[in-house]
Amino acid sequence: RSSPVYLVMKKDTPQVTSSGAQKALEQTNRLVGYNLVLKFKENSWTISPASLFGMLTYSVKDSELQVALDKDKIDTFVSKIARDVNQNPKNAELNIENGTATLFTPAQDGQKLDVDKTIDLINQKLNDPKLEGKPITIDLPIGVTQPEITNDKVNELGIKELVARGWSSFAGSIAGRVYNIKLAASRINGTIIAPGQTYSFNTDIGDITEETGYQTAYIIE
């Protein structure tokens, strides 16, 4: 005759309760109802509800599903924006030969997106109950990066920028006139004018004669 076998029962609770799952569902529906727009000047990048849903991740805590943005996915998205807006600063360049500037490139500031701050702003907006159901716009935090070599480091002449630029077409001119224009331009190109100095175009291009290299051609009076 067999003896009875007594089973020891142990109560096991689910990792996620029904109420916990319901809260996660409600939070998910709330998050995917947002249309997120990130802006910088005239450029904008949109995180649509479908894209936002694809960035969500779930974890278990205290019998509830916690809903959050997946750090790697949102970091990838923001890093793509950074590649679009980031610009390296440009160092100033100045070459002077025989009193003439043969090259001058003004320094230019760069710009860089703060990726971590952008992600923080996105999370703050998504978790703000006051914004539920409203379109969200975030101005991207762009910082200015300074060049290592600024204008004042490459010269002591006070050269800061291109003051003026002129443009004129001489298409259709005869060969002699084209030659003369190029010759005159080469003689004034890179001329450095000190503050307060009077500039003379006629002095710089010199006498316009065959002896000084010019060719016979018509002129416009």
Protein backbone atom coordinates (compact mmCIF):
# COMPACT_ATOMS: atom_id res chain seq x y z
CA ARG A 1 0.00 0.00 0.00
CA SER A 2 1.41 3.36 -1.05
CA SER A 3 1.74 6.26 1.34
CA PRO A 4 0.27 9.69 0.57
CA VAL A 5 2.62 12.31 -0.80
CA TYR A 6 2.26 15.76 0.65
CA LEU A 7 3.15 18.64 -1.66
CA VAL A 8 4.54 21.85 -0.36
CA MET A 9 2.98 24.77 -2.17
CA LYS A 10 4.76 28.08 -2.48
CA LYS A 11 2.93 31.19 -3.49
CA ASP A 12 4.65 32.96 -6.37
CA THR A 13 3.63 36.45 -7.37
CA PRO A 14 4.06 37.78 -10.92
CA GLN A 15 6.86 40.18 -11.61
CA VAL A 16 4.39 42.61 -13.09
CA THR A 17 0.89 43.03 -11.76
CA SER A 18 -2.12 43.84 -13.92
CA SER A 19 -2.29 47.34 -12.46
CA GLY A 20 1.42 47.81 -13.10
CA ALA A 21 1.05 46.76 -16.72
CA GLN A 22 -1.96 49.04 -17.11
CA LYS A 23 0.07 52.01 -15.89
CA ALA A 24 2.80 51.21 -18.42
CA LEU A 25 0.22 51.03 -21.19
CA GLU A 26 -1.24 54.39 -20.20
CA GLN A 27 2.21 55.98 -20.05
CA THR A 28 3.14 54.50 -23.43
CA ASN A 29 -0.03 55.89 -25.01
CA ARG A 30 0.70 59.28 -23.47
CA LEU A 31 4.29 59.37 -24.75
CA VAL A 32 3.46 58.32 -28.29
CA GLY A 33 0.89 61.08 -28.44
CA TYR A 34 3.66 63.68 -28.57
CA ASN A 35 5.10 65.22 -31.70
CA LEU A 36 8.57 66.43 -30.79
CA VAL A 37 10.34 69.09 -32.86
CA LEU A 38 13.99 70.04 -32.29
CA LYS A 39 15.00 73.39 -33.79
CA PHE A 40 18.15 75.34 -34.57
CA LYS A 41 17.83 78.51 -36.63
CA GLU A 42 15.92 77.59 -39.80
CA ASN A 43 16.54 73.84 -39.40
CA SER A 44 14.28 71.40 -37.59
CA TRP A 45 14.20 67.68 -36.79
CA THR A 46 10.99 65.87 -35.86
CA ILE A 47 10.53 62.81 -33.66
CA SER A 48 7.19 61.42 -34.79
CA PRO A 49 4.98 59.31 -32.49
CA ALA A 50 6.00 56.17 -34.40
CA SER A 51 9.70 57.02 -34.04
CA LEU A 52 9.23 57.81 -30.37
CA PHE A 53 7.51 54.46 -29.79
CA GLY A 54 10.52 52.70 -31.34
CA MET A 55 12.79 54.44 -28.84
CA LEU A 56 10.92 53.24 -25.74
CA THR A 57 12.33 50.62 -23.40
CA TYR A 58 10.70 48.75 -20.48
CA SER A 59 12.06 47.52 -17.18
CA VAL A 60 10.50 45.97 -14.07
CA LYS A 61 10.51 47.75 -10.73
CA ASP A 62 8.22 47.13 -7.74
CA SER A 63 5.82 44.97 -9.77
CA GLU A 64 5.41 47.70 -12.36
CA LEU A 65 6.72 48.23 -15.86
CA GLN A 66 8.86 51.33 -16.06
CA VAL A 67 8.69 53.15 -19.39
CA ALA A 68 11.65 55.25 -20.54
CA LEU A 69 13.57 56.32 -23.60
CA ASP A 70 16.25 53.86 -24.60
CA LYS A 71 19.51 55.72 -23.96
CA ASP A 72 21.37 54.22 -26.91
CA LYS A 73 18.55 54.88 -29.39
CA ILE A 74 17.96 58.51 -28.38
CA ASP A 75 21.71 59.08 -28.25
CA THR A 76 22.01 57.77 -31.82
CA PHE A 77 19.23 60.09 -33.00
CA VAL A 78 20.67 63.21 -31.33
CA SER A 79 24.21 62.35 -32.46
CA LYS A 80 22.98 62.38 -36.08
CA ILE A 81 21.69 65.91 -35.53
CA ALA A 82 25.06 66.85 -34.05
CA ARG A 83 26.79 65.74 -37.24
CA ASP A 84 24.49 68.06 -39.20
CA VAL A 85 25.00 71.19 -37.08
CA ASN A 86 28.50 70.87 -35.66
CA GLN A 87 31.11 73.08 -37.30
CA ASN A 88 34.77 73.19 -36.44
CA PRO A 89 36.26 76.63 -35.77
CA LYS A 90 38.61 78.03 -38.40
CA ASN A 91 41.95 79.51 -37.46
CA ALA A 92 42.97 82.88 -38.82
CA GLU A 93 45.68 82.92 -41.50
CA LEU A 94 47.76 85.83 -42.71
CA ASN A 95 50.76 85.79 -45.02
CA ILE A 96 52.58 89.02 -45.87
CA GLU A 97 55.30 89.20 -48.52
CA ASN A 98 57.08 92.44 -49.36
CA GLY A 99 54.42 94.49 -47.62
CA THR A 100 51.55 92.80 -49.45
CA ALA A 101 49.03 90.42 -47.94
CA THR A 102 49.18 87.30 -50.10
CA LEU A 103 46.68 85.47 -47.92
CA PHE A 104 44.24 86.54 -45.21
CA THR A 105 41.58 84.23 -43.83
CA PRO A 106 39.66 85.66 -40.86
CA ALA A 107 39.12 83.44 -37.85
CA GLN A 108 35.69 81.86 -37.64
CA ASP A 109 33.90 80.53 -34.57
CA GLY A 110 32.62 76.98 -34.63
CA GLN A 111 29.46 75.50 -33.13
CA LYS A 112 28.78 72.29 -31.25
CA LEU A 113 25.59 70.61 -30.08
CA ASP A 114 25.48 69.57 -26.42
CA VAL A 115 24.21 66.01 -26.91
CA ASP A 116 23.74 65.15 -23.21
CA LYS A 117 21.85 68.38 -22.50
CA THR A 118 19.62 67.77 -25.53
CA ILE A 119 18.68 64.32 -24.25
CA ASP A 120 17.96 65.77 -20.79
CA LEU A 121 15.67 68.40 -22.34
CA ILE A 122 13.79 65.73 -24.31
CA ASN A 123 13.24 63.65 -21.17
CA GLN A 124 12.14 66.71 -19.18
CA LYS A 125 9.56 67.69 -21.80
CA LEU A 126 8.19 64.16 -22.18
CA ASN A 127 7.73 63.81 -18.43
CA ASP A 128 6.05 67.19 -17.94
CA PRO A 129 2.31 66.53 -17.40
CA LYS A 130 1.51 70.15 -18.28
CA LEU A 131 2.58 69.48 -21.88
CA GLU A 132 0.40 66.41 -22.39
CA GLY A 133 -1.39 66.56 -25.72
CA LYS A 134 0.51 69.67 -26.83
CA PRO A 135 3.16 69.96 -29.55
CA ILE A 136 6.64 70.17 -28.07
CA THR A 137 9.38 72.35 -29.53
CA ILE A 138 12.92 72.29 -28.14
CA ASP A 139 15.57 74.82 -29.07
CA LEU A 140 18.78 72.88 -29.42
CA PRO A 141 21.57 73.90 -27.02
CA ILE A 142 24.36 74.93 -29.36
CA GLY A 143 27.63 76.17 -27.90
CA VAL A 144 30.24 78.36 -29.57
CA THR A 145 33.74 76.93 -29.99
CA GLN A 146 36.64 79.35 -30.31
CA PRO A 147 39.49 78.94 -32.82
CA GLU A 148 42.95 78.41 -31.40
CA ILE A 149 44.40 81.14 -33.60
CA THR A 150 42.33 84.33 -33.59
CA ASN A 151 42.76 87.39 -35.82
CA ASP A 152 44.77 89.30 -33.23
CA LYS A 153 47.24 86.44 -32.93
CA VAL A 154 48.26 86.46 -36.59
CA ASN A 155 48.72 90.19 -37.05
CA GLU A 156 49.24 93.47 -35.28
CA LEU A 157 47.85 95.54 -38.15
CA GLY A 158 44.27 95.58 -36.95
CA ILE A 159 43.09 93.37 -39.80
CA LYS A 160 39.82 91.82 -38.68
CA GLU A 161 37.66 91.23 -41.70
CA LEU A 162 37.01 91.81 -45.37
CA VAL A 163 35.80 95.42 -45.48
CA ALA A 164 34.40 95.51 -49.02
CA ARG A 165 34.24 93.55 -52.22
CA GLY A 166 33.48 94.75 -55.74
CA TRP A 167 32.40 92.73 -58.75
CA SER A 168 32.20 93.62 -62.40
CA SER A 169 31.83 91.51 -65.50
CA PHE A 170 34.08 92.09 -68.48
CA ALA A 171 32.79 89.20 -70.53
CA GLY A 172 33.10 89.81 -74.24
CA SER A 173 36.11 92.09 -73.91
CA ILE A 174 38.95 91.82 -76.40
CA ALA A 175 42.07 89.91 -75.37
CA GLY A 176 44.11 93.07 -74.73
CA ARG A 177 41.56 94.49 -72.32
CA VAL A 178 41.26 91.19 -70.45
CA TYR A 179 45.04 91.10 -70.11
CA ASN A 180 45.16 94.69 -68.79
CA ILE A 181 42.44 94.06 -66.21
CA LYS A 182 44.25 90.99 -64.89
CA LEU A 183 47.55 92.86 -64.75
CA ALA A 184 46.03 95.78 -62.84
CA ALA A 185 44.23 93.41 -60.45
CA SER A 186 47.46 91.55 -59.72
CA ARG A 187 49.17 94.82 -58.78
CA ILE A 188 46.55 95.87 -56.23
CA ASN A 189 45.63 92.44 -54.89
CA GLY A 190 46.58 92.06 -51.22
CA THR A 191 47.35 95.76 -50.68
CA ILE A 192 47.39 96.58 -46.97
CA ILE A 193 45.80 99.92 -46.06
CA ALA A 194 46.60 101.21 -42.59
CA PRO A 195 43.89 102.92 -40.50
CA GLY A 196 43.55 106.53 -41.70
CA GLN A 197 45.67 105.95 -44.79
CA THR A 198 44.46 107.31 -48.13
CA TYR A 199 44.41 104.67 -50.82
CA SER A 200 45.16 105.57 -54.43
CA PHE A 201 44.11 103.16 -57.15
CA ASN A 202 46.12 105.07 -59.76
CA THR A 203 49.29 104.92 -57.68
CA ASP A 204 49.01 101.17 -57.17
CA ILE A 205 48.40 100.20 -60.79
CA GLY A 206 51.09 102.61 -62.00
CA ASP A 207 51.37 104.30 -65.38
CA ILE A 208 49.22 102.57 -67.96
CA THR A 209 51.68 102.31 -70.81
CA GLU A 210 53.30 99.64 -72.90
CA GLU A 211 56.53 100.28 -70.98
CA THR A 212 54.84 99.23 -67.72
CA GLY A 213 53.41 96.07 -69.28
CA TYR A 214 49.98 97.11 -70.50
CA GLN A 215 48.68 96.29 -73.96
CA THR A 216 46.80 98.52 -76.37
CA ALA A 217 43.05 98.09 -75.88
CA TYR A 218 39.88 100.10 -75.65
CA ILE A 219 38.60 101.54 -72.38
CA ILE A 220 35.20 102.49 -71.00
CA GLU A 221 34.91 106.18 -70.16
